[in-house]
């Protein structure tokens, strides 16, 4: 039961219907007997700065999860942030500090690589095509480079955004980072870090007919659970990872970030 003492968390995005965080967090709160709730809010880009400013005056709000397209706004509104969040200038989680300020972090990338390993995907020495240079793409690219991939090719519908991300990630000096087409030929790992596939009319984010059976394919979208890209990859004989599997890896880190423990509690992704 939500009452006047309930501590509130929000997940903010546009759109918001696809998110799984409310079910996951509220299940954890219930199992722990914690008087808290996480609620979804659909906030557009024109209003997100005003919304996040307003939350600073809502003293029973302890945390915010940022999803598409608000991860850059999350960083702007963080008074302090982790080193990786500072480097990427994005944040997908914010928590209220004891003094009322807000601390941000970006856990999409390390959550994604943890999920890849759990799904049986080797990361080291792999040639990777990353489609999407937004908030999730930035974090995933950085985490893959930290994990020892051989090279990273970034593709985005906006070439300037892809170039900015490639230039930033090159500063890590971990492996070659280039900008290229959505062509998976000769790639060992292909990741869609865009919302493409959520709508029926969306084109495939990569040239799926060029996938090799040995290529591992991952997607970040959670609705539909098996995206059009993953269906095409299955038809080519590829091993895959769904956005639901990514979410489970990221959830572990969000729960830890907000100080909600133990994360040994059960929660199942709805079909």
C-alpha atoms as a PDB file:
ATOM      1  CA  UNK A   1       0.000   0.000   0.000  1.00  0.00           C
ATOM      2  CA  UNK A   2       1.289   3.443  -0.939  1.00  0.00           C
ATOM      3  CA  UNK A   3       0.891   5.962   1.887  1.00  0.00           C
ATOM      4  CA  UNK A   4       2.331   9.272   3.002  1.00  0.00           C
ATOM      5  CA  UNK A   5       5.576   7.621   4.125  1.00  0.00           C
ATOM      6  CA  UNK A   6       6.253   5.851   0.818  1.00  0.00           C
ATOM      7  CA  UNK A   7       9.648   6.631  -0.715  1.00  0.00           C
ATOM      8  CA  UNK A   8       9.259   7.262  -4.439  1.00  0.00           C
ATOM      9  CA  UNK A   9      11.363   6.407  -7.476  1.00  0.00           C
ATOM     10  CA  UNK A  10      10.507   7.252 -11.080  1.00  0.00           C
ATOM     11  CA  UNK A  11      11.508   5.952 -14.481  1.00  0.00           C
ATOM     12  CA  UNK A  12      11.299   8.740 -17.033  1.00  0.00           C
ATOM     13  CA  UNK A  13      11.222   8.307 -20.810  1.00  0.00           C
ATOM     14  CA  UNK A  14       9.411   9.055 -24.042  1.00  0.00           C
ATOM     15  CA  UNK A  15       7.889   6.576 -24.892  1.00  0.00           C
ATOM     16  CA  UNK A  16       7.465   4.735 -21.595  1.00  0.00           C
ATOM     17  CA  UNK A  17       5.039   1.834 -22.220  1.00  0.00           C
ATOM     18  CA  UNK A  18       7.877  -0.609 -23.004  1.00  0.00           C
ATOM     19  CA  UNK A  19       9.801  -0.285 -19.715  1.00  0.00           C
ATOM     20  CA  UNK A  20      10.140  -3.210 -17.309  1.00  0.00           C
ATOM     21  CA  UNK A  21      11.630  -1.381 -14.307  1.00  0.00           C
ATOM     22  CA  UNK A  22       8.338  -0.788 -12.411  1.00  0.00           C
ATOM     23  CA  UNK A  23       7.540  -4.491 -12.181  1.00  0.00           C
ATOM     24  CA  UNK A  24      11.100  -5.399 -11.252  1.00  0.00           C
ATOM     25  CA  UNK A  25      11.668  -2.743  -8.604  1.00  0.00           C
ATOM     26  CA  UNK A  26       8.232  -3.031  -7.033  1.00  0.00           C
ATOM     27  CA  UNK A  27       8.656  -6.802  -6.751  1.00  0.00           C
ATOM     28  CA  UNK A  28      11.953  -6.255  -4.923  1.00  0.00           C
ATOM     29  CA  UNK A  29      10.387  -3.634  -2.628  1.00  0.00           C
ATOM     30  CA  UNK A  30       7.506  -6.004  -1.842  1.00  0.00           C
ATOM     31  CA  UNK A  31       9.748  -8.974  -1.061  1.00  0.00           C
ATOM     32  CA  UNK A  32      11.932  -6.834   1.195  1.00  0.00           C
ATOM     33  CA  UNK A  33       8.994  -5.198   2.936  1.00  0.00           C
ATOM     34  CA  UNK A  34      10.307  -1.758   1.928  1.00  0.00           C
ATOM     35  CA  UNK A  35       7.764   1.057   1.798  1.00  0.00           C
ATOM     36  CA  UNK A  36       8.791   2.328  -1.630  1.00  0.00           C
ATOM     37  CA  UNK A  37       7.487   2.347  -5.191  1.00  0.00           C
ATOM     38  CA  UNK A  38       8.851   3.010  -8.671  1.00  0.00           C
ATOM     39  CA  UNK A  39       6.433   4.651 -11.114  1.00  0.00           C
ATOM     40  CA  UNK A  40       6.693   5.267 -14.894  1.00  0.00           C
ATOM     41  CA  UNK A  41       6.383   8.802 -16.256  1.00  0.00           C
ATOM     42  CA  UNK A  42       6.145   9.797 -19.915  1.00  0.00           C
ATOM     43  CA  UNK A  43       7.986  13.126 -20.145  1.00  0.00           C
ATOM     44  CA  UNK A  44       8.884  14.684 -23.491  1.00  0.00           C
ATOM     45  CA  UNK A  45      12.204  16.316 -24.286  1.00  0.00           C
ATOM     46  CA  UNK A  46      10.769  19.824 -24.034  1.00  0.00           C
ATOM     47  CA  UNK A  47       9.711  19.213 -20.439  1.00  0.00           C
ATOM     48  CA  UNK A  48      12.395  16.950 -19.000  1.00  0.00           C
ATOM     49  CA  UNK A  49      14.632  19.728 -17.639  1.00  0.00           C
ATOM     50  CA  UNK A  50      11.734  21.386 -15.826  1.00  0.00           C
ATOM     51  CA  UNK A  51      10.619  18.000 -14.501  1.00  0.00           C
ATOM     52  CA  UNK A  52      14.034  17.049 -13.128  1.00  0.00           C
ATOM     53  CA  UNK A  53      14.436  20.521 -11.606  1.00  0.00           C
ATOM     54  CA  UNK A  54      11.084  20.077  -9.893  1.00  0.00           C
ATOM     55  CA  UNK A  55      12.069  16.726  -8.407  1.00  0.00           C
ATOM     56  CA  UNK A  56      14.808  18.473  -6.427  1.00  0.00           C
ATOM     57  CA  UNK A  57      12.022  20.003  -4.334  1.00  0.00           C
ATOM     58  CA  UNK A  58      10.164  16.694  -3.802  1.00  0.00           C
ATOM     59  CA  UNK A  59      11.825  15.393  -0.662  1.00  0.00           C
ATOM     60  CA  UNK A  60      10.214  11.950  -0.672  1.00  0.00           C
ATOM     61  CA  UNK A  61      11.764  11.093  -4.066  1.00  0.00           C
ATOM     62  CA  UNK A  62      14.945   9.040  -3.606  1.00  0.00           C
ATOM     63  CA  UNK A  63      15.882   8.109  -7.170  1.00  0.00           C
ATOM     64  CA  UNK A  64      15.268   8.368 -10.888  1.00  0.00           C
ATOM     65  CA  UNK A  65      15.903   5.940 -13.747  1.00  0.00           C
ATOM     66  CA  UNK A  66      16.390   7.654 -17.128  1.00  0.00           C
ATOM     67  CA  UNK A  67      15.536   5.894 -20.364  1.00  0.00           C
ATOM     68  CA  UNK A  68      15.329   6.989 -24.024  1.00  0.00           C
ATOM     69  CA  UNK A  69      15.863   9.866 -24.784  1.00  0.00           C
ATOM     70  CA  UNK A  70      16.704  11.402 -21.392  1.00  0.00           C
ATOM     71  CA  UNK A  71      20.109   9.965 -20.422  1.00  0.00           C
ATOM     72  CA  UNK A  72      21.965  13.123 -21.425  1.00  0.00           C
ATOM     73  CA  UNK A  73      19.503  15.155 -19.334  1.00  0.00           C
ATOM     74  CA  UNK A  74      20.190  12.839 -16.400  1.00  0.00           C
ATOM     75  CA  UNK A  75      23.845  13.796 -16.528  1.00  0.00           C
ATOM     76  CA  UNK A  76      23.070  17.508 -16.794  1.00  0.00           C
ATOM     77  CA  UNK A  77      21.008  17.326 -13.619  1.00  0.00           C
ATOM     78  CA  UNK A  78      23.509  15.295 -11.579  1.00  0.00           C
ATOM     79  CA  UNK A  79      25.421  17.415  -9.059  1.00  0.00           C
ATOM     80  CA  UNK A  80      28.043  14.662  -8.811  1.00  0.00           C
ATOM     81  CA  UNK A  81      28.615  11.636 -11.026  1.00  0.00           C
ATOM     82  CA  UNK A  82      30.742   8.525 -11.465  1.00  0.00           C
ATOM     83  CA  UNK A  83      33.908   8.659 -13.563  1.00  0.00           C
ATOM     84  CA  UNK A  84      32.266   6.751 -16.434  1.00  0.00           C
ATOM     85  CA  UNK A  85      29.254   9.052 -16.338  1.00  0.00           C
ATOM     86  CA  UNK A  86      31.556  12.079 -16.502  1.00  0.00           C
ATOM     87  CA  UNK A  87      33.443  10.563 -19.422  1.00  0.00           C
ATOM     88  CA  UNK A  88      30.301   9.714 -21.388  1.00  0.00           C
ATOM     89  CA  UNK A  89      28.310  12.745 -20.153  1.00  0.00           C
ATOM     90  CA  UNK A  90      25.227  10.555 -19.743  1.00  0.00           C
ATOM     91  CA  UNK A  91      23.453   9.100 -16.713  1.00  0.00           C
ATOM     92  CA  UNK A  92      20.670   6.534 -16.573  1.00  0.00           C
ATOM     93  CA  UNK A  93      20.320   6.530 -12.789  1.00  0.00           C
ATOM     94  CA  UNK A  94      20.272   9.358 -10.255  1.00  0.00           C
ATOM     95  CA  UNK A  95      20.009   9.043  -6.476  1.00  0.00           C
ATOM     96  CA  UNK A  96      19.396  11.693  -3.849  1.00  0.00           C
ATOM     97  CA  UNK A  97      22.311  12.214  -1.487  1.00  0.00           C
ATOM     98  CA  UNK A  98      21.825  12.841   2.231  1.00  0.00           C
ATOM     99  CA  UNK A  99      22.498  16.550   1.696  1.00  0.00           C
ATOM    100  CA  UNK A 100      19.794  16.800  -0.992  1.00  0.00           C
ATOM    101  CA  UNK A 101      22.114  16.838  -4.013  1.00  0.00           C
ATOM    102  CA  UNK A 102      21.893  14.253  -6.788  1.00  0.00           C
ATOM    103  CA  UNK A 103      24.498  11.686  -7.853  1.00  0.00           C
ATOM    104  CA  UNK A 104      24.412  10.098 -11.318  1.00  0.00           C
ATOM    105  CA  UNK A 105      25.853   6.995 -12.919  1.00  0.00           C
ATOM    106  CA  UNK A 106      25.589   5.145 -16.225  1.00  0.00           C
ATOM    107  CA  UNK A 107      25.201   1.394 -15.795  1.00  0.00           C
ATOM    108  CA  UNK A 108      23.857   0.371 -19.216  1.00  0.00           C
ATOM    109  CA  UNK A 109      27.280  -0.542 -20.570  1.00  0.00           C
ATOM    110  CA  UNK A 110      28.656  -2.689 -17.760  1.00  0.00           C
ATOM    111  CA  UNK A 111      25.233  -4.285 -17.340  1.00  0.00           C
ATOM    112  CA  UNK A 112      25.227  -5.110 -21.035  1.00  0.00           C
ATOM    113  CA  UNK A 113      28.651  -6.732 -21.044  1.00  0.00           C
ATOM    114  CA  UNK A 114      27.733  -8.769 -17.933  1.00  0.00           C
ATOM    115  CA  UNK A 115      24.606  -9.976 -19.727  1.00  0.00           C
ATOM    116  CA  UNK A 116      26.601 -10.846 -22.848  1.00  0.00           C
ATOM    117  CA  UNK A 117      28.937 -13.055 -20.837  1.00  0.00           C
ATOM    118  CA  UNK A 118      26.006 -14.712 -19.079  1.00  0.00           C
ATOM    119  CA  UNK A 119      24.491 -15.427 -22.506  1.00  0.00           C
ATOM    120  CA  UNK A 120      27.687 -17.197 -23.551  1.00  0.00           C
ATOM    121  CA  UNK A 121      29.156 -14.465 -25.758  1.00  0.00           C
ATOM    122  CA  UNK A 122      32.940 -14.089 -25.688  1.00  0.00           C
ATOM    123  CA  UNK A 123      33.922 -10.406 -25.788  1.00  0.00           C
ATOM    124  CA  UNK A 124      37.714 -10.260 -25.914  1.00  0.00           C
ATOM    125  CA  UNK A 125      39.340  -9.818 -29.332  1.00  0.00           C
ATOM    126  CA  UNK A 126      35.982  -9.487 -31.116  1.00  0.00           C
ATOM    127  CA  UNK A 127      35.183  -7.159 -34.001  1.00  0.00           C
ATOM    128  CA  UNK A 128      32.025  -5.286 -33.050  1.00  0.00           C
ATOM    129  CA  UNK A 129      29.407  -3.328 -34.995  1.00  0.00           C
ATOM    130  CA  UNK A 130      27.494  -0.984 -32.691  1.00  0.00           C
ATOM    131  CA  UNK A 131      24.361   0.596 -34.174  1.00  0.00           C
ATOM    132  CA  UNK A 132      23.281   3.686 -32.248  1.00  0.00           C
ATOM    133  CA  UNK A 133      25.369   6.499 -30.782  1.00  0.00           C
ATOM    134  CA  UNK A 134      22.835   7.695 -28.202  1.00  0.00           C
ATOM    135  CA  UNK A 135      22.970   7.263 -24.439  1.00  0.00           C
ATOM    136  CA  UNK A 136      22.854   3.456 -24.431  1.00  0.00           C
ATOM    137  CA  UNK A 137      25.228   3.193 -27.392  1.00  0.00           C
ATOM    138  CA  UNK A 138      27.808   5.436 -25.699  1.00  0.00           C
ATOM    139  CA  UNK A 139      27.799   3.301 -22.569  1.00  0.00           C
ATOM    140  CA  UNK A 140      27.876  -0.033 -24.380  1.00  0.00           C
ATOM    141  CA  UNK A 141      30.728   1.087 -26.635  1.00  0.00           C
ATOM    142  CA  UNK A 142      32.797   2.256 -23.673  1.00  0.00           C
ATOM    143  CA  UNK A 143      32.188  -0.950 -21.726  1.00  0.00           C
ATOM    144  CA  UNK A 144      33.088  -3.173 -24.701  1.00  0.00           C
ATOM    145  CA  UNK A 145      36.377  -1.344 -25.156  1.00  0.00           C
ATOM    146  CA  UNK A 146      37.151  -1.752 -21.459  1.00  0.00           C
ATOM    147  CA  UNK A 147      36.471  -5.495 -21.853  1.00  0.00           C
ATOM    148  CA  UNK A 148      39.121  -5.947 -24.560  1.00  0.00           C
ATOM    149  CA  UNK A 149      37.400  -6.076 -27.955  1.00  0.00           C
ATOM    150  CA  UNK A 150      39.635  -5.949 -31.033  1.00  0.00           C
ATOM    151  CA  UNK A 151      37.843  -3.120 -32.853  1.00  0.00           C
ATOM    152  CA  UNK A 152      34.625  -1.133 -32.780  1.00  0.00           C
ATOM    153  CA  UNK A 153      32.671   0.208 -35.744  1.00  0.00           C
ATOM    154  CA  UNK A 154      29.945   2.727 -34.871  1.00  0.00           C
ATOM    155  CA  UNK A 155      26.924   3.383 -37.083  1.00  0.00           C
ATOM    156  CA  UNK A 156      24.173   5.922 -36.524  1.00  0.00           C
ATOM    157  CA  UNK A 157      21.546   7.423 -38.804  1.00  0.00           C
ATOM    158  CA  UNK A 158      23.127  10.768 -37.889  1.00  0.00           C
ATOM    159  CA  UNK A 159      26.741  10.477 -39.130  1.00  0.00           C
ATOM    160  CA  UNK A 160      27.822  13.447 -37.003  1.00  0.00           C
ATOM    161  CA  UNK A 161      26.659  11.719 -33.839  1.00  0.00           C
ATOM    162  CA  UNK A 162      28.527   8.552 -34.810  1.00  0.00           C
ATOM    163  CA  UNK A 163      31.660  10.589 -35.464  1.00  0.00           C
ATOM    164  CA  UNK A 164      31.417  12.338 -32.091  1.00  0.00           C
ATOM    165  CA  UNK A 165      31.104   9.016 -30.282  1.00  0.00           C
ATOM    166  CA  UNK A 166      33.987   7.451 -32.222  1.00  0.00           C
ATOM    167  CA  UNK A 167      36.202  10.446 -31.435  1.00  0.00           C
ATOM    168  CA  UNK A 168      35.328  10.255 -27.739  1.00  0.00           C
ATOM    169  CA  UNK A 169      35.866   6.495 -27.468  1.00  0.00           C
ATOM    170  CA  UNK A 170      39.167   6.739 -29.337  1.00  0.00           C
ATOM    171  CA  UNK A 171      40.473   8.759 -26.382  1.00  0.00           C
ATOM    172  CA  UNK A 172      40.315   5.591 -24.275  1.00  0.00           C
ATOM    173  CA  UNK A 173      43.153   4.214 -26.439  1.00  0.00           C
ATOM    174  CA  UNK A 174      41.880   0.650 -26.044  1.00  0.00           C
ATOM    175  CA  UNK A 175      41.223  -0.462 -29.642  1.00  0.00           C
ATOM    176  CA  UNK A 176      40.556   1.109 -33.059  1.00  0.00           C
ATOM    177  CA  UNK A 177      37.178   2.894 -33.263  1.00  0.00           C
ATOM    178  CA  UNK A 178      35.759   3.790 -36.672  1.00  0.00           C
ATOM    179  CA  UNK A 179      32.522   5.018 -38.229  1.00  0.00           C
ATOM    180  CA  UNK A 180      30.941   2.824 -40.880  1.00  0.00           C
ATOM    181  CA  UNK A 181      27.792   1.448 -42.500  1.00  0.00           C
ATOM    182  CA  UNK A 182      25.263  -0.895 -40.877  1.00  0.00           C
ATOM    183  CA  UNK A 183      26.988  -3.827 -42.571  1.00  0.00           C
ATOM    184  CA  UNK A 184      27.690  -6.840 -40.319  1.00  0.00           C
ATOM    185  CA  UNK A 185      29.976  -8.550 -42.825  1.00  0.00           C
ATOM    186  CA  UNK A 186      33.112  -9.823 -41.048  1.00  0.00           C
ATOM    187  CA  UNK A 187      31.796  -8.756 -37.631  1.00  0.00           C
ATOM    188  CA  UNK A 188      31.888 -11.125 -34.647  1.00  0.00           C
ATOM    189  CA  UNK A 189      29.362  -9.207 -32.540  1.00  0.00           C
ATOM    190  CA  UNK A 190      26.519  -6.924 -33.675  1.00  0.00           C
ATOM    191  CA  UNK A 191      24.531  -4.807 -31.221  1.00  0.00           C
ATOM    192  CA  UNK A 192      21.471  -2.685 -31.903  1.00  0.00           C
ATOM    193  CA  UNK A 193      21.466   0.140 -29.344  1.00  0.00           C
ATOM    194  CA  UNK A 194      18.582   2.039 -30.963  1.00  0.00           C
ATOM    195  CA  UNK A 195      14.774   1.842 -30.529  1.00  0.00           C
ATOM    196  CA  UNK A 196      14.473   0.470 -34.084  1.00  0.00           C
ATOM    197  CA  UNK A 197      12.223  -2.567 -34.003  1.00  0.00           C
ATOM    198  CA  UNK A 198       9.733  -1.330 -31.419  1.00  0.00           C
ATOM    199  CA  UNK A 199       7.309  -0.255 -34.159  1.00  0.00           C
ATOM    200  CA  UNK A 200       6.088  -2.595 -36.874  1.00  0.00           C
ATOM    201  CA  UNK A 201       7.065  -0.161 -39.614  1.00  0.00           C
ATOM    202  CA  UNK A 202      10.694   0.158 -38.452  1.00  0.00           C
ATOM    203  CA  UNK A 203      13.387  -1.071 -40.852  1.00  0.00           C
ATOM    204  CA  UNK A 204      15.982  -3.506 -39.582  1.00  0.00           C
ATOM    205  CA  UNK A 205      18.916  -1.634 -38.001  1.00  0.00           C
ATOM    206  CA  UNK A 206      21.514  -3.693 -39.920  1.00  0.00           C
ATOM    207  CA  UNK A 207      21.770  -5.501 -43.251  1.00  0.00           C
ATOM    208  CA  UNK A 208      20.615  -8.780 -41.766  1.00  0.00           C
ATOM    209  CA  UNK A 209      21.088 -10.793 -44.967  1.00  0.00           C
ATOM    210  CA  UNK A 210      24.852 -10.285 -44.500  1.00  0.00           C
ATOM    211  CA  UNK A 211      24.984 -11.860 -41.034  1.00  0.00           C
ATOM    212  CA  UNK A 212      27.167 -14.933 -40.691  1.00  0.00           C
ATOM    213  CA  UNK A 213      26.039 -17.864 -38.521  1.00  0.00           C
ATOM    214  CA  UNK A 214      29.078 -17.283 -36.293  1.00  0.00           C
ATOM    215  CA  UNK A 215      28.077 -13.686 -35.503  1.00  0.00           C
ATOM    216  CA  UNK A 216      26.498 -13.023 -32.106  1.00  0.00           C
ATOM    217  CA  UNK A 217      23.629 -10.496 -32.274  1.00  0.00           C
ATOM    218  CA  UNK A 218      22.240  -8.455 -29.393  1.00  0.00           C
ATOM    219  CA  UNK A 219      19.374  -5.982 -29.155  1.00  0.00           C
ATOM    220  CA  UNK A 220      18.487  -3.474 -26.435  1.00  0.00           C
ATOM    221  CA  UNK A 221      14.731  -3.230 -27.033  1.00  0.00           C
ATOM    222  CA  UNK A 222      12.475  -5.163 -24.673  1.00  0.00           C
ATOM    223  CA  UNK A 223       9.213  -4.945 -26.670  1.00  0.00           C
ATOM    224  CA  UNK A 224       8.782  -7.151 -28.585  1.00  0.00           C
ATOM    225  CA  UNK A 225      10.830  -9.589 -26.514  1.00  0.00           C
ATOM    226  CA  UNK A 226      12.258 -11.180 -29.678  1.00  0.00           C
ATOM    227  CA  UNK A 227      12.867  -8.189 -31.912  1.00  0.00           C
ATOM    228  CA  UNK A 228      12.679  -8.287 -35.724  1.00  0.00           C
ATOM    229  CA  UNK A 229      16.481  -8.114 -35.811  1.00  0.00           C
ATOM    230  CA  UNK A 230      16.808 -11.137 -33.528  1.00  0.00           C
ATOM    231  CA  UNK A 231      14.258 -13.068 -35.601  1.00  0.00           C
ATOM    232  CA  UNK A 232      16.327 -12.336 -38.707  1.00  0.00           C
ATOM    233  CA  UNK A 233      19.499 -13.356 -36.861  1.00  0.00           C
ATOM    234  CA  UNK A 234      17.935 -16.653 -35.764  1.00  0.00           C
ATOM    235  CA  UNK A 235      17.029 -17.357 -39.377  1.00  0.00           C
ATOM    236  CA  UNK A 236      20.706 -16.916 -40.270  1.00  0.00           C
ATOM    237  CA  UNK A 237      21.794 -19.321 -37.514  1.00  0.00           C
ATOM    238  CA  UNK A 238      23.175 -16.676 -35.129  1.00  0.00           C
ATOM    239  CA  UNK A 239      23.248 -16.843 -31.341  1.00  0.00           C
ATOM    240  CA  UNK A 240      21.452 -13.867 -29.810  1.00  0.00           C
ATOM    241  CA  UNK A 241      20.701 -11.879 -26.662  1.00  0.00           C
ATOM    242  CA  UNK A 242      17.421 -10.065 -26.059  1.00  0.00           C
ATOM    243  CA  UNK A 243      16.839  -6.692 -24.460  1.00  0.00           C
ATOM    244  CA  UNK A 244      15.163  -8.560 -21.589  1.00  0.00           C
ATOM    245  CA  UNK A 245      18.456 -10.320 -20.856  1.00  0.00           C
ATOM    246  CA  UNK A 246      20.242  -6.964 -20.949  1.00  0.00           C
ATOM    247  CA  UNK A 247      17.679  -5.509 -18.568  1.00  0.00           C
ATOM    248  CA  UNK A 248      18.323  -8.225 -16.002  1.00  0.00           C
ATOM    249  CA  UNK A 249      22.041  -7.403 -16.026  1.00  0.00           C
ATOM    250  CA  UNK A 250      21.391  -3.670 -15.738  1.00  0.00           C
ATOM    251  CA  UNK A 251      18.798  -4.220 -12.992  1.00  0.00           C
ATOM    252  CA  UNK A 252      21.428  -5.769 -10.727  1.00  0.00           C
ATOM    253  CA  UNK A 253      23.538  -2.630 -11.002  1.00  0.00           C
ATOM    254  CA  UNK A 254      20.605  -0.224 -10.549  1.00  0.00           C
ATOM    255  CA  UNK A 255      19.511  -2.038  -7.392  1.00  0.00           C
ATOM    256  CA  UNK A 256      23.071  -1.782  -6.079  1.00  0.00           C
ATOM    257  CA  UNK A 257      23.306   1.908  -7.042  1.00  0.00           C
ATOM    258  CA  UNK A 258      20.161   2.770  -5.093  1.00  0.00           C
ATOM    259  CA  UNK A 259      21.354   0.814  -2.046  1.00  0.00           C
ATOM    260  CA  UNK A 260      18.517  -1.737  -2.242  1.00  0.00           C
ATOM    261  CA  UNK A 261      19.927  -5.063  -1.098  1.00  0.00           C
ATOM    262  CA  UNK A 262      20.060  -8.038  -1.110  1.00  0.00           C
ATOM    263  CA  UNK A 263      19.513  -8.569  -4.839  1.00  0.00           C
ATOM    264  CA  UNK A 264      18.990 -12.309  -4.383  1.00  0.00           C
ATOM    265  CA  UNK A 265      15.249 -11.858  -4.789  1.00  0.00           C
ATOM    266  CA  UNK A 266      13.352 -13.307  -7.697  1.00  0.00           C
ATOM    267  CA  UNK A 267      11.696 -11.456 -10.530  1.00  0.00           C
ATOM    268  CA  UNK A 268      10.758 -12.912 -13.897  1.00  0.00           C
ATOM    269  CA  UNK A 269      10.592 -10.921 -17.126  1.00  0.00           C
ATOM    270  CA  UNK A 270       7.036 -11.118 -18.483  1.00  0.00           C
ATOM    271  CA  UNK A 271       6.684 -12.832 -21.852  1.00  0.00           C
END
